C-alpha atoms as a PDB file:
ATOM      1  CA  MET A   1     -13.357 -27.794 -12.756  1.00  0.00           C
ATOM      2  CA  GLY A   2     -11.613 -24.384 -13.739  1.00  0.00           C
ATOM      3  CA  GLU A   3     -13.140 -22.758 -10.435  1.00  0.00           C
ATOM      4  CA  LEU A   4     -11.678 -25.494  -8.490  1.00  0.00           C
ATOM      5  CA  ARG A   5      -8.437 -25.152 -10.158  1.00  0.00           C
ATOM      6  CA  GLU A   6      -8.252 -21.436  -9.404  1.00  0.00           C
ATOM      7  CA  SER A   7      -9.483 -21.821  -5.845  1.00  0.00           C
ATOM      8  CA  LYS A   8      -6.688 -24.258  -5.144  1.00  0.00           C
ATOM      9  CA  LYS A   9      -4.271 -21.822  -6.779  1.00  0.00           C
ATOM     10  CA  ARG A  10      -5.466 -19.244  -4.316  1.00  0.00           C
ATOM     11  CA  GLU A  11      -5.171 -21.408  -1.436  1.00  0.00           C
ATOM     12  CA  THR A  12      -1.514 -22.435  -2.606  1.00  0.00           C
ATOM     13  CA  LYS A  13      -0.599 -18.813  -3.036  1.00  0.00           C
ATOM     14  CA  GLN A  14      -2.115 -17.701   0.312  1.00  0.00           C
ATOM     15  CA  ARG A  15      -0.292 -20.617   2.272  1.00  0.00           C
ATOM     16  CA  ILE A  16       3.001 -19.636   0.803  1.00  0.00           C
ATOM     17  CA  SER A  17       2.547 -16.258   1.637  1.00  0.00           C
ATOM     18  CA  ASP A  18       1.476 -17.082   5.336  1.00  0.00           C
ATOM     19  CA  VAL A  19       4.336 -19.242   5.762  1.00  0.00           C
ATOM     20  CA  ALA A  20       6.811 -16.717   4.482  1.00  0.00           C
ATOM     21  CA  THR A  21       5.403 -14.137   6.530  1.00  0.00           C
ATOM     22  CA  GLU A  22       5.677 -16.028   9.703  1.00  0.00           C
ATOM     23  CA  LEU A  23       9.287 -16.868   9.114  1.00  0.00           C
ATOM     24  CA  PHE A  24      10.141 -13.379   8.199  1.00  0.00           C
ATOM     25  CA  PHE A  25       8.628 -12.060  11.479  1.00  0.00           C
ATOM     26  CA  ALA A  26      10.634 -14.611  13.393  1.00  0.00           C
ATOM     27  CA  ARG A  27      13.893 -14.383  11.887  1.00  0.00           C
ATOM     28  CA  GLY A  28      13.829 -11.386   9.651  1.00  0.00           C
ATOM     29  CA  PHE A  29      13.636 -11.136   5.958  1.00  0.00           C
ATOM     30  CA  GLU A  30      17.415 -11.442   5.066  1.00  0.00           C
ATOM     31  CA  ALA A  31      17.891 -14.693   7.136  1.00  0.00           C
ATOM     32  CA  VAL A  32      15.362 -16.720   5.426  1.00  0.00           C
ATOM     33  CA  THR A  33      15.739 -18.472   2.088  1.00  0.00           C
ATOM     34  CA  VAL A  34      13.117 -19.402  -0.585  1.00  0.00           C
ATOM     35  CA  GLU A  35      14.268 -22.848  -0.148  1.00  0.00           C
ATOM     36  CA  GLU A  36      13.397 -22.657   3.475  1.00  0.00           C
ATOM     37  CA  ILE A  37      10.029 -21.197   2.707  1.00  0.00           C
ATOM     38  CA  ALA A  38       9.398 -23.874  -0.166  1.00  0.00           C
ATOM     39  CA  ALA A  39      10.104 -26.683   2.433  1.00  0.00           C
ATOM     40  CA  ALA A  40       7.877 -25.107   5.281  1.00  0.00           C
ATOM     41  CA  ALA A  41       4.864 -24.621   2.736  1.00  0.00           C
ATOM     42  CA  ASN A  42       5.456 -28.057   1.232  1.00  0.00           C
ATOM     43  CA  VAL A  43       6.087 -27.199  -2.088  1.00  0.00           C
ATOM     44  CA  SER A  44       8.885 -26.737  -4.548  1.00  0.00           C
ATOM     45  CA  LYS A  45      11.082 -23.585  -5.053  1.00  0.00           C
ATOM     46  CA  VAL A  46       9.841 -23.365  -8.696  1.00  0.00           C
ATOM     47  CA  THR A  47       6.384 -23.277  -7.159  1.00  0.00           C
ATOM     48  CA  VAL A  48       6.946 -20.417  -5.027  1.00  0.00           C
ATOM     49  CA  PHE A  49       8.387 -18.513  -8.047  1.00  0.00           C
ATOM     50  CA  ASN A  50       5.458 -19.311 -10.015  1.00  0.00           C
ATOM     51  CA  TYR A  51       3.272 -17.385  -7.714  1.00  0.00           C
ATOM     52  CA  PHE A  52       5.802 -14.763  -6.717  1.00  0.00           C
ATOM     53  CA  ALA A  53       8.113 -13.136  -9.092  1.00  0.00           C
ATOM     54  CA  ARG A  54      10.760 -12.209  -6.432  1.00  0.00           C
ATOM     55  CA  LYS A  55      11.376 -13.009  -2.762  1.00  0.00           C
ATOM     56  CA  GLU A  56      10.470  -9.530  -1.750  1.00  0.00           C
ATOM     57  CA  ASP A  57       6.776 -10.337  -3.255  1.00  0.00           C
ATOM     58  CA  LEU A  58       6.255 -12.851  -0.696  1.00  0.00           C
ATOM     59  CA  PHE A  59       6.300 -10.065   2.214  1.00  0.00           C
ATOM     60  CA  LEU A  60       5.075  -7.269   0.173  1.00  0.00           C
ATOM     61  CA  ASP A  61       2.344  -9.453  -1.406  1.00  0.00           C
ATOM     62  CA  ARG A  62      -0.558  -6.708  -1.515  1.00  0.00           C
ATOM     63  CA  GLN A  63       1.111  -4.313  -3.707  1.00  0.00           C
ATOM     64  CA  ASP A  64      -1.252  -4.790  -6.441  1.00  0.00           C
ATOM     65  CA  ASP A  65      -4.129  -3.973  -3.885  1.00  0.00           C
ATOM     66  CA  VAL A  66      -2.993  -0.373  -3.876  1.00  0.00           C
ATOM     67  CA  LYS A  67      -3.581   0.349  -7.497  1.00  0.00           C
ATOM     68  CA  VAL A  68      -7.115  -1.829  -7.369  1.00  0.00           C
ATOM     69  CA  LEU A  69      -7.944   0.586  -4.252  1.00  0.00           C
ATOM     70  CA  LEU A  70      -7.182   3.470  -6.049  1.00  0.00           C
ATOM     71  CA  ARG A  71      -8.650   2.768  -9.339  1.00  0.00           C
ATOM     72  CA  ASP A  72     -12.156   1.761  -7.683  1.00  0.00           C
ATOM     73  CA  ALA A  73     -12.291   4.629  -5.379  1.00  0.00           C
ATOM     74  CA  LEU A  74     -11.800   7.114  -8.504  1.00  0.00           C
ATOM     75  CA  GLY A  75     -13.844   5.138 -10.885  1.00  0.00           C
ATOM     76  CA  ASP A  76     -16.760   4.332  -8.487  1.00  0.00           C
ATOM     77  CA  ARG A  77     -17.100   8.084  -7.310  1.00  0.00           C
ATOM     78  CA  PRO A  78     -20.345   9.679  -7.379  1.00  0.00           C
ATOM     79  CA  LYS A  79     -20.795  12.387 -10.202  1.00  0.00           C
ATOM     80  CA  GLY A  80     -19.682  15.858  -8.843  1.00  0.00           C
ATOM     81  CA  ARG A  81     -17.190  14.333  -6.310  1.00  0.00           C
ATOM     82  CA  SER A  82     -13.728  15.086  -6.998  1.00  0.00           C
ATOM     83  CA  PRO A  83     -10.640  12.784  -7.197  1.00  0.00           C
ATOM     84  CA  ILE A  84      -9.057  13.932  -3.802  1.00  0.00           C
ATOM     85  CA  ASP A  85     -12.364  13.973  -2.254  1.00  0.00           C
ATOM     86  CA  ALA A  86     -12.901  10.309  -3.326  1.00  0.00           C
ATOM     87  CA  LEU A  87      -9.383   9.452  -2.172  1.00  0.00           C
ATOM     88  CA  ARG A  88      -9.887  11.023   1.097  1.00  0.00           C
ATOM     89  CA  ARG A  89     -13.062   9.060   1.502  1.00  0.00           C
ATOM     90  CA  LEU A  90     -11.036   6.095   0.902  1.00  0.00           C
ATOM     91  CA  VAL A  91      -8.931   6.600   3.791  1.00  0.00           C
ATOM     92  CA  ASP A  92     -11.976   6.869   5.974  1.00  0.00           C
ATOM     93  CA  ARG A  93     -13.348   3.543   4.761  1.00  0.00           C
ATOM     94  CA  LEU A  94     -10.008   1.838   5.119  1.00  0.00           C
ATOM     95  CA  CYS A  95      -9.650   3.118   8.589  1.00  0.00           C
ATOM     96  CA  ASP A  96     -13.318   1.818   9.413  1.00  0.00           C
ATOM     97  CA  GLN A  97     -12.249  -1.706   7.758  1.00  0.00           C
ATOM     98  CA  LYS A  98      -9.202  -1.538  10.061  1.00  0.00           C
ATOM     99  CA  HIS A  99      -7.199  -2.327   6.749  1.00  0.00           C
ATOM    100  CA  PRO A 100      -3.373  -2.628   7.126  1.00  0.00           C
ATOM    101  CA  PHE A 101      -3.032   0.303   4.733  1.00  0.00           C
ATOM    102  CA  ALA A 102      -4.809   2.683   7.230  1.00  0.00           C
ATOM    103  CA  ARG A 103      -4.212   0.945  10.580  1.00  0.00           C
ATOM    104  CA  ILE A 104      -1.458   1.558  13.234  1.00  0.00           C
ATOM    105  CA  ASP A 105      -1.072  -1.142  15.788  1.00  0.00           C
ATOM    106  CA  SER A 106       1.238  -3.827  17.390  1.00  0.00           C
ATOM    107  CA  GLN A 107       0.790  -6.209  14.114  1.00  0.00           C
ATOM    108  CA  THR A 108       1.257  -3.446  11.433  1.00  0.00           C
ATOM    109  CA  VAL A 109       3.980  -1.734  13.421  1.00  0.00           C
ATOM    110  CA  GLY A 110       5.938  -5.176  13.741  1.00  0.00           C
ATOM    111  CA  TRP A 111       5.425  -5.591   9.925  1.00  0.00           C
ATOM    112  CA  TRP A 112       7.083  -2.273   9.368  1.00  0.00           C
ATOM    113  CA  ARG A 113      10.034  -3.304  11.290  1.00  0.00           C
ATOM    114  CA  VAL A 114      10.702  -6.359   9.245  1.00  0.00           C
ATOM    115  CA  VAL A 115      10.587  -3.895   6.274  1.00  0.00           C
ATOM    116  CA  ALA A 116      12.908  -1.370   7.924  1.00  0.00           C
ATOM    117  CA  ALA A 117      15.520  -4.037   8.819  1.00  0.00           C
ATOM    118  CA  SER A 118      15.828  -5.106   5.162  1.00  0.00           C
ATOM    119  CA  PRO A 119      17.419  -3.107   2.459  1.00  0.00           C
ATOM    120  CA  SER A 120      15.842  -5.198  -0.234  1.00  0.00           C
ATOM    121  CA  LEU A 121      12.385  -4.756   1.287  1.00  0.00           C
ATOM    122  CA  THR A 122      12.657  -0.953   1.683  1.00  0.00           C
ATOM    123  CA  GLY A 123      14.015  -0.737  -1.918  1.00  0.00           C
ATOM    124  CA  ARG A 124      11.204  -2.586  -3.355  1.00  0.00           C
ATOM    125  CA  LEU A 125       8.765  -0.667  -1.318  1.00  0.00           C
ATOM    126  CA  ARG A 126      10.149   2.549  -3.050  1.00  0.00           C
ATOM    127  CA  GLU A 127       9.542   0.876  -6.244  1.00  0.00           C
ATOM    128  CA  ILE A 128       5.995   0.147  -5.412  1.00  0.00           C
ATOM    129  CA  GLY A 129       5.505   3.691  -4.336  1.00  0.00           C
ATOM    130  CA  ASP A 130       6.631   5.080  -7.729  1.00  0.00           C
ATOM    131  CA  GLU A 131       4.369   2.407  -9.417  1.00  0.00           C
ATOM    132  CA  ALA A 132       1.447   3.696  -7.248  1.00  0.00           C
ATOM    133  CA  VAL A 133       2.111   7.249  -8.378  1.00  0.00           C
ATOM    134  CA  GLU A 134       2.369   6.382 -12.006  1.00  0.00           C
ATOM    135  CA  ALA A 135      -0.935   4.454 -11.798  1.00  0.00           C
ATOM    136  CA  LEU A 136      -2.639   7.094  -9.991  1.00  0.00           C
ATOM    137  CA  ALA A 137      -1.383   9.970 -12.281  1.00  0.00           C
ATOM    138  CA  VAL A 138      -2.898   7.960 -15.094  1.00  0.00           C
ATOM    139  CA  GLU A 139      -6.310   7.495 -13.261  1.00  0.00           C
ATOM    140  CA  LEU A 140      -6.371  11.202 -12.739  1.00  0.00           C
ATOM    141  CA  ALA A 141      -5.691  12.505 -16.147  1.00  0.00           C
ATOM    142  CA  GLY A 142      -5.774   9.583 -18.561  1.00  0.00           C
ATOM    143  CA  PRO A 143      -2.999   7.447 -20.552  1.00  0.00           C
ATOM    144  CA  LYS A 144      -0.805  10.328 -20.817  1.00  0.00           C
ATOM    145  CA  PRO A 145      -0.582  12.321 -17.495  1.00  0.00           C
ATOM    146  CA  ASP A 146       1.099  15.875 -17.452  1.00  0.00           C
ATOM    147  CA  GLY A 147       3.183  17.110 -14.961  1.00  0.00           C
ATOM    148  CA  LEU A 148       0.533  18.393 -12.892  1.00  0.00           C
ATOM    149  CA  ALA A 149      -1.120  15.046 -12.596  1.00  0.00           C
ATOM    150  CA  ARG A 150       2.209  13.298 -11.684  1.00  0.00           C
ATOM    151  CA  LEU A 151       2.748  16.135  -9.084  1.00  0.00           C
ATOM    152  CA  VAL A 152      -0.508  15.761  -7.585  1.00  0.00           C
ATOM    153  CA  ALA A 153      -0.245  11.844  -7.612  1.00  0.00           C
ATOM    154  CA  GLY A 154       3.109  12.092  -6.047  1.00  0.00           C
ATOM    155  CA  MET A 155       2.004  14.452  -3.325  1.00  0.00           C
ATOM    156  CA  ILE A 156      -0.774  12.106  -2.159  1.00  0.00           C
ATOM    157  CA  VAL A 157       1.224   9.086  -2.188  1.00  0.00           C
ATOM    158  CA  VAL A 158       4.061  10.824  -0.170  1.00  0.00           C
ATOM    159  CA  THR A 159       1.416  12.016   2.109  1.00  0.00           C
ATOM    160  CA  TRP A 160      -0.051   8.495   2.801  1.00  0.00           C
ATOM    161  CA  ARG A 161       3.390   7.226   3.411  1.00  0.00           C
ATOM    162  CA  THR A 162       4.670   9.953   5.443  1.00  0.00           C
ATOM    163  CA  ALA A 163       1.299   9.821   7.659  1.00  0.00           C
ATOM    164  CA  TYR A 164       1.623   6.124   8.060  1.00  0.00           C
ATOM    165  CA  ARG A 165       5.228   6.644   9.312  1.00  0.00           C
ATOM    166  CA  GLU A 166       4.301   9.348  11.637  1.00  0.00           C
ATOM    167  CA  GLY A 167       1.529   7.057  13.231  1.00  0.00           C
ATOM    168  CA  ILE A 168       4.330   4.384  13.497  1.00  0.00           C
ATOM    169  CA  ARG A 169       6.592   6.950  15.152  1.00  0.00           C
ATOM    170  CA  VAL A 170       3.791   7.742  17.799  1.00  0.00           C
ATOM    171  CA  PHE A 171       3.230   4.083  18.564  1.00  0.00           C
ATOM    172  CA  GLU A 172       6.729   3.347  19.082  1.00  0.00           C
ATOM    173  CA  GLY A 173       7.291   6.258  21.214  1.00  0.00           C
ATOM    174  CA  GLY A 174       4.619   5.048  23.746  1.00  0.00           C
ATOM    175  CA  GLY A 175       1.709   6.404  22.383  1.00  0.00           C
ATOM    176  CA  SER A 176      -1.571   4.248  22.034  1.00  0.00           C
ATOM    177  CA  ALA A 177      -2.902   2.828  18.791  1.00  0.00           C
ATOM    178  CA  LYS A 178      -5.811   5.454  19.031  1.00  0.00           C
ATOM    179  CA  LYS A 179      -3.235   8.333  19.386  1.00  0.00           C
ATOM    180  CA  ALA A 180      -1.050   6.581  16.603  1.00  0.00           C
ATOM    181  CA  ASN A 181      -3.999   6.406  14.222  1.00  0.00           C
ATOM    182  CA  ALA A 182      -5.091  10.077  15.069  1.00  0.00           C
ATOM    183  CA  ALA A 183      -1.588  11.226  14.093  1.00  0.00           C
ATOM    184  CA  PHE A 184      -2.137   9.145  10.944  1.00  0.00           C
ATOM    185  CA  ILE A 185      -5.398  11.126  10.030  1.00  0.00           C
ATOM    186  CA  ALA A 186      -4.103  14.483  11.087  1.00  0.00           C
ATOM    187  CA  LEU A 187      -1.158  14.274   8.712  1.00  0.00           C
ATOM    188  CA  ILE A 188      -3.299  12.659   5.907  1.00  0.00           C
ATOM    189  CA  ASP A 189      -5.712  15.786   6.328  1.00  0.00           C
ATOM    190  CA  ARG A 190      -2.922  18.217   6.209  1.00  0.00           C
ATOM    191  CA  GLY A 191      -1.381  16.785   3.060  1.00  0.00           C
ATOM    192  CA  PHE A 192      -4.571  16.571   1.166  1.00  0.00           C
ATOM    193  CA  ALA A 193      -5.444  20.038   1.965  1.00  0.00           C
ATOM    194  CA  ALA A 194      -1.998  21.046   0.614  1.00  0.00           C
ATOM    195  CA  VAL A 195      -2.922  18.908  -2.535  1.00  0.00           C
ATOM    196  CA  ARG A 196      -6.032  20.712  -3.126  1.00  0.00           C
ATOM    197  CA  GLY A 197      -4.646  24.097  -2.640  1.00  0.00           C
ATOM    198  CA  MET A 198      -1.727  23.299  -4.910  1.00  0.00           C
ATOM    199  CA  ALA A 199      -4.029  21.735  -7.920  1.00  0.00           C
ATOM    200  CA  ALA A 200      -6.700  24.398  -7.437  1.00  0.00           C
ATOM    201  CA  SER A 201      -4.360  27.287  -8.017  1.00  0.00           C
ATOM    202  CA  SER A 202      -3.791  25.688 -11.757  1.00  0.00           C
ATOM    203  CA  SER A 203      -6.626  26.891 -13.988  1.00  0.00           C
ATOM    204  CA  GLN A 204      -5.511  24.195 -16.150  1.00  0.00           C
ATOM    205  CA  ARG A 205      -6.250  21.251 -14.034  1.00  0.00           C
ATOM    206  CA  ALA A 206      -8.321  22.406 -11.367  1.00  0.00           C
ATOM    207  CA  SER A 207     -10.655  19.612 -12.282  1.00  0.00           C
ATOM    208  CA  ILE A 208      -8.435  17.158 -10.351  1.00  0.00           C
ATOM    209  CA  VAL A 209      -9.586  18.311  -6.973  1.00  0.00           C
ATOM    210  CA  GLY A 210     -13.166  19.833  -7.995  1.00  0.00           C
END
C-alpha cells in the first residue's frame, strides 16, 4: 500500500506540474493563477501547495535535480578524477541524454522566454543559482567550505548559466540547434578551463581541480 500511495503522489505532482507548465506557456507565468491550475488539474489549491511550496516551483520544478546531479557526479567519480573533470563529464553526459539542462532547441528556448518575461521567475532562478553554488561548494570542500571553494563553485555555476544563455542567444538569432549547442559547449570549455587555471594557482586547494 505504501508504494501505491507514493506512486499516486508522484503521478499527482507530475500532473499538476504538466498542467501548470502548459498554462504558463500559453498565457505567461504572471497571468495564470494557482486557482486556475488547481481547477485544470482537478485538485484543490491546498493540494497544489502541498506539492509545491510556491507558485514559481510549479515551473521551476526541477531545481532539486541540480543538486542531485552535482552530488552524484562528484560522489561517483573514479579515483584520480578531479572534481572539475567529473563535472565536465557530467556536461557531456547530459548533452548525450539531451537533458534540458544541457540542450538548446525550440522547447528549451520557449521555456526560457517564459522565465525571462516573469520577474518572479527570474528572481527565483537567481535564488536557485545561489543555492547551487553553496551546495557545490560543500560537495567540493566539506560542510565548511572556504572562500576558494565558494569561488570555484560560483565560477562553475556562472559558466553553466552563461553558456546556456549564449546558446539561447545564438538560437534566437537564427542559428540552428546544432550551432546553439556548439556555442554552449564552447563557453563551457572556456569557463571550466578558467576554473582549472584559477584553482590550480592555489597551492592550498589545488586538489579541487587535480
